[in-house]
Amino acid sequence: MMQLRTAVRPQAEKLLVIACGMIAREILAAKQQLNLDHLELTCLPAEYHFYPDRIAPAMDAAIVKAKADGFKHIFVGYADCGTGGLLDNICEKHGVERMAGPHCFGFYQGMAAYAKVADDDMMSFYMTDFLCRQFDAFFMKPLGLDRHPELIQDYFGNYEKLIYLAQTEEPELEKVAQAAARMLGLAYERRFTGYGDLPSSLENASRSAAPS
């Protein structure tokens, strides 16, 4: 009797995402949603949000290390993020791709949707789930607002509105955003974005590691 053999599909090679620490939770959530078991994540410090000049050289070193560690498929989990094109130079140098857009506030909304509101949002201060969770650590203490609230006008006087871009439905995070708007003297708006373009970008990047 002839025995049928089931073809075994080779597993995808590992895809390493080198990302901003500010979006680590969201990348892991998208990985789970999409069943991207072959995706591995490493992050650069979230505080580089305040020091964009550090992103490109740190990414350069991280990609060199990743390749030395044997990763053939690498995706950069950053938009331009204030590097003024320097991150694109690093991506081109190593032949890797990054998230589309100028910053995470863009790709969370979806770049098509963001293009429609970018001009109107010019005087708006964006917050995300991460920034709500880390408001004290990322704003109050580094800017000295906990000790010198009079500095609020210096830092935020040119803003008109605080827009909370919500990735999840968590009332406690919205309370933080609302309190921040009151403290900063800004109008408040909440937009539920989910993860925006992040899942589709990760899924597209993962195809490079998929077996043919």
Protein backbone atom coordinates (compact mmCIF):
# COMPACT_ATOMS: atom_id res chain seq x y z
CA MET A 1 0.00 0.00 0.00
CA MET A 2 1.37 3.36 -1.07
CA GLN A 3 1.97 5.78 1.80
CA LEU A 4 1.29 9.45 1.14
CA ARG A 5 3.84 11.87 2.48
CA THR A 6 2.80 15.31 3.63
CA ALA A 7 5.12 18.02 2.40
CA VAL A 8 6.70 19.92 5.29
CA ARG A 9 6.76 23.63 4.65
CA PRO A 10 10.05 25.15 5.84
CA GLN A 11 9.79 27.59 8.67
CA ALA A 12 10.27 31.28 8.03
CA GLU A 13 13.66 32.67 8.90
CA LYS A 14 13.87 35.04 11.82
CA LEU A 15 12.91 38.66 11.23
CA LEU A 16 14.55 41.10 13.64
CA VAL A 17 12.74 44.35 14.26
CA ILE A 18 14.97 47.05 15.75
CA ALA A 19 12.50 49.53 17.15
CA CYS A 20 11.95 52.56 19.30
CA GLY A 21 11.26 51.53 22.88
CA MET A 22 8.14 53.69 22.78
CA ILE A 23 6.37 51.22 20.49
CA ALA A 24 7.64 47.92 21.91
CA ARG A 25 4.34 46.98 23.55
CA GLU A 26 2.44 47.69 20.34
CA ILE A 27 4.83 45.66 18.19
CA LEU A 28 4.49 42.67 20.50
CA ALA A 29 0.70 43.01 20.42
CA ALA A 30 0.73 43.12 16.61
CA LYS A 31 3.08 40.12 16.53
CA GLN A 32 0.59 38.12 18.57
CA GLN A 33 -2.39 39.25 16.51
CA LEU A 34 -0.71 38.30 13.25
CA ASN A 35 0.94 35.10 14.54
CA LEU A 36 4.37 36.31 13.49
CA ASP A 37 6.24 33.75 15.54
CA HIS A 38 9.43 34.30 13.57
CA LEU A 39 9.56 37.99 14.54
CA GLU A 40 12.09 38.98 17.18
CA LEU A 41 12.23 42.42 18.76
CA THR A 42 15.04 44.52 20.15
CA CYS A 43 14.70 48.18 21.06
CA LEU A 44 16.74 51.32 21.27
CA PRO A 45 16.08 53.49 24.35
CA ALA A 46 12.71 55.23 24.35
CA GLU A 47 14.41 58.40 25.60
CA TYR A 48 15.86 58.91 22.11
CA HIS A 49 12.46 60.49 21.45
CA PHE A 50 14.08 63.55 23.04
CA TYR A 51 17.45 63.05 21.34
CA PRO A 52 16.79 62.25 17.66
CA ASP A 53 20.45 62.90 16.82
CA ARG A 54 21.27 59.65 18.65
CA ILE A 55 18.90 57.47 16.65
CA ALA A 56 20.85 57.08 13.39
CA PRO A 57 24.26 56.18 14.91
CA ALA A 58 22.63 53.84 17.42
CA MET A 59 20.66 52.15 14.64
CA ASP A 60 23.81 51.81 12.55
CA ALA A 61 25.55 49.99 15.40
CA ALA A 62 22.46 47.85 16.12
CA ILE A 63 22.19 46.68 12.51
CA VAL A 64 25.90 45.85 12.35
CA LYS A 65 25.53 43.77 15.52
CA ALA A 66 22.37 42.07 14.24
CA LYS A 67 24.10 41.02 11.03
CA ALA A 68 27.09 39.76 13.00
CA ASP A 69 24.65 37.72 15.08
CA GLY A 70 23.38 36.08 11.91
CA PHE A 71 20.14 37.95 11.17
CA LYS A 72 19.49 38.15 7.44
CA HIS A 73 16.14 39.93 7.67
CA ILE A 74 15.98 43.23 9.57
CA PHE A 75 13.26 45.85 9.76
CA VAL A 76 13.64 49.28 11.35
CA GLY A 77 10.79 50.06 13.72
CA TYR A 78 11.14 53.82 13.41
CA ALA A 79 9.69 56.46 11.16
CA ASP A 80 12.06 59.38 10.43
CA CYS A 81 11.44 60.56 14.01
CA GLY A 82 13.27 63.86 13.72
CA THR A 83 16.49 62.51 12.22
CA GLY A 84 16.18 64.73 9.16
CA GLY A 85 16.84 61.90 6.74
CA LEU A 86 19.86 60.51 8.60
CA LEU A 87 17.99 57.34 9.49
CA ASP A 88 17.17 56.84 5.82
CA ASN A 89 20.88 57.04 5.06
CA ILE A 90 21.53 54.23 7.54
CA CYS A 91 18.72 52.13 6.07
CA GLU A 92 20.10 52.61 2.57
CA LYS A 93 23.61 51.78 3.74
CA HIS A 94 22.47 48.43 5.13
CA GLY A 95 19.76 47.64 2.60
CA VAL A 96 16.91 47.58 5.12
CA GLU A 97 13.52 49.28 5.27
CA ARG A 98 11.84 51.34 8.00
CA MET A 99 8.33 52.36 8.97
CA ALA A 100 6.84 54.87 6.54
CA GLY A 101 6.15 58.40 7.68
CA PRO A 102 7.66 61.25 9.67
CA HIS A 103 6.93 59.85 13.17
CA CYS A 104 4.85 57.31 15.08
CA PHE A 105 2.02 59.82 15.44
CA GLY A 106 1.68 59.57 11.67
CA PHE A 107 1.75 55.81 11.24
CA TYR A 108 -0.51 55.23 14.26
CA GLN A 109 -3.18 57.28 12.52
CA GLY A 110 -2.39 55.65 9.18
CA MET A 111 -0.39 57.74 6.74
CA ALA A 112 -3.36 58.35 4.43
CA ALA A 113 -5.46 59.64 7.34
CA TYR A 114 -2.57 61.62 8.79
CA ALA A 115 -1.98 63.43 5.49
CA LYS A 116 -5.50 64.83 5.73
CA VAL A 117 -5.06 66.27 9.24
CA ALA A 118 -1.35 67.14 9.37
CA ASP A 119 -1.81 70.82 8.58
CA ASP A 120 -4.73 71.23 10.99
CA ASP A 121 -2.77 69.45 13.73
CA MET A 122 0.27 71.69 13.36
CA MET A 123 -0.41 73.37 16.73
CA SER A 124 -1.42 70.16 18.51
CA PHE A 125 0.51 68.17 21.08
CA TYR A 126 0.15 64.43 20.51
CA MET A 127 0.03 61.78 23.21
CA THR A 128 -0.07 58.00 22.77
CA ASP A 129 -0.74 55.11 25.14
CA PHE A 130 2.97 54.96 25.92
CA LEU A 131 3.18 58.67 26.68
CA CYS A 132 0.14 58.42 28.95
CA ARG A 133 1.74 55.55 30.85
CA GLN A 134 5.03 57.41 31.10
CA PHE A 135 3.82 61.00 31.42
CA ASP A 136 5.69 61.70 34.64
CA ALA A 137 8.89 60.03 33.47
CA PHE A 138 8.89 61.60 30.00
CA PHE A 139 7.48 65.06 30.64
CA MET A 140 7.00 66.11 34.24
CA LYS A 141 10.43 65.17 35.58
CA PRO A 142 12.72 65.74 32.55
CA LEU A 143 11.17 69.14 31.84
CA GLY A 144 11.09 70.06 35.52
CA LEU A 145 7.35 70.71 35.45
CA ASP A 146 6.88 68.91 38.76
CA ARG A 147 9.18 71.47 40.39
CA HIS A 148 8.57 74.50 38.20
CA PRO A 149 5.02 74.53 36.80
CA GLU A 150 5.64 78.06 35.60
CA LEU A 151 7.66 76.49 32.77
CA ILE A 152 4.49 75.08 31.22
CA GLN A 153 3.95 78.26 29.24
CA ASP A 154 7.53 78.20 27.96
CA TYR A 155 7.27 74.61 26.72
CA PHE A 156 3.65 74.40 25.64
CA GLY A 157 2.57 77.99 25.06
CA ASN A 158 2.49 77.58 21.28
CA TYR A 159 0.19 74.56 21.37
CA GLU A 160 -3.58 74.89 21.14
CA LYS A 161 -4.79 71.33 21.62
CA LEU A 162 -3.74 68.02 23.13
CA ILE A 163 -4.71 65.07 20.93
CA TYR A 164 -4.67 61.65 22.54
CA LEU A 165 -4.03 59.00 19.87
CA ALA A 166 -5.37 55.93 21.65
CA GLN A 167 -4.04 52.52 20.66
CA THR A 168 -6.30 50.71 23.14
CA GLU A 169 -9.55 51.27 24.99
CA GLU A 170 -8.16 51.96 28.46
CA PRO A 171 -10.13 54.56 30.46
CA GLU A 172 -7.28 55.04 32.92
CA LEU A 173 -4.97 56.18 30.14
CA GLU A 174 -7.55 58.63 28.86
CA LYS A 175 -7.82 60.10 32.36
CA VAL A 176 -4.08 60.80 32.23
CA ALA A 177 -4.43 62.51 28.84
CA GLN A 178 -7.38 64.60 30.03
CA ALA A 179 -5.52 65.65 33.17
CA ALA A 180 -2.48 66.56 31.08
CA ALA A 181 -4.62 68.75 28.82
CA ARG A 182 -6.06 70.56 31.83
CA MET A 183 -2.64 71.07 33.37
CA LEU A 184 -1.18 72.38 30.12
CA GLY A 185 -4.19 74.61 29.46
CA LEU A 186 -4.96 72.95 26.12
CA ALA A 187 -8.17 71.87 24.42
CA TYR A 188 -8.62 68.11 24.40
CA GLU A 189 -9.41 65.58 21.68
CA ARG A 190 -9.27 61.79 21.66
CA ARG A 191 -8.79 59.76 18.48
CA PHE A 192 -8.91 56.01 18.61
CA THR A 193 -6.28 54.84 16.12
CA GLY A 194 -5.54 51.29 17.18
CA TYR A 195 -2.13 50.34 15.81
CA GLY A 196 -2.65 52.14 12.51
CA ASP A 197 -0.18 51.11 9.80
CA LEU A 198 2.04 49.20 12.25
CA PRO A 199 0.56 45.70 11.76
CA SER A 200 0.51 45.90 7.95
CA SER A 201 4.09 47.19 7.92
CA LEU A 202 5.26 44.32 10.11
CA GLU A 203 3.34 41.83 8.00
CA ASN A 204 4.91 43.18 4.82
CA ALA A 205 8.37 43.05 6.37
CA SER A 206 7.78 39.49 7.53
CA ARG A 207 7.24 38.34 3.97
CA SER A 208 10.92 38.86 3.29
CA ALA A 209 11.65 36.11 5.80
CA ALA A 210 8.94 33.76 4.53
CA PRO A 211 10.01 30.63 2.63
CA SER A 212 9.33 30.67 -1.09
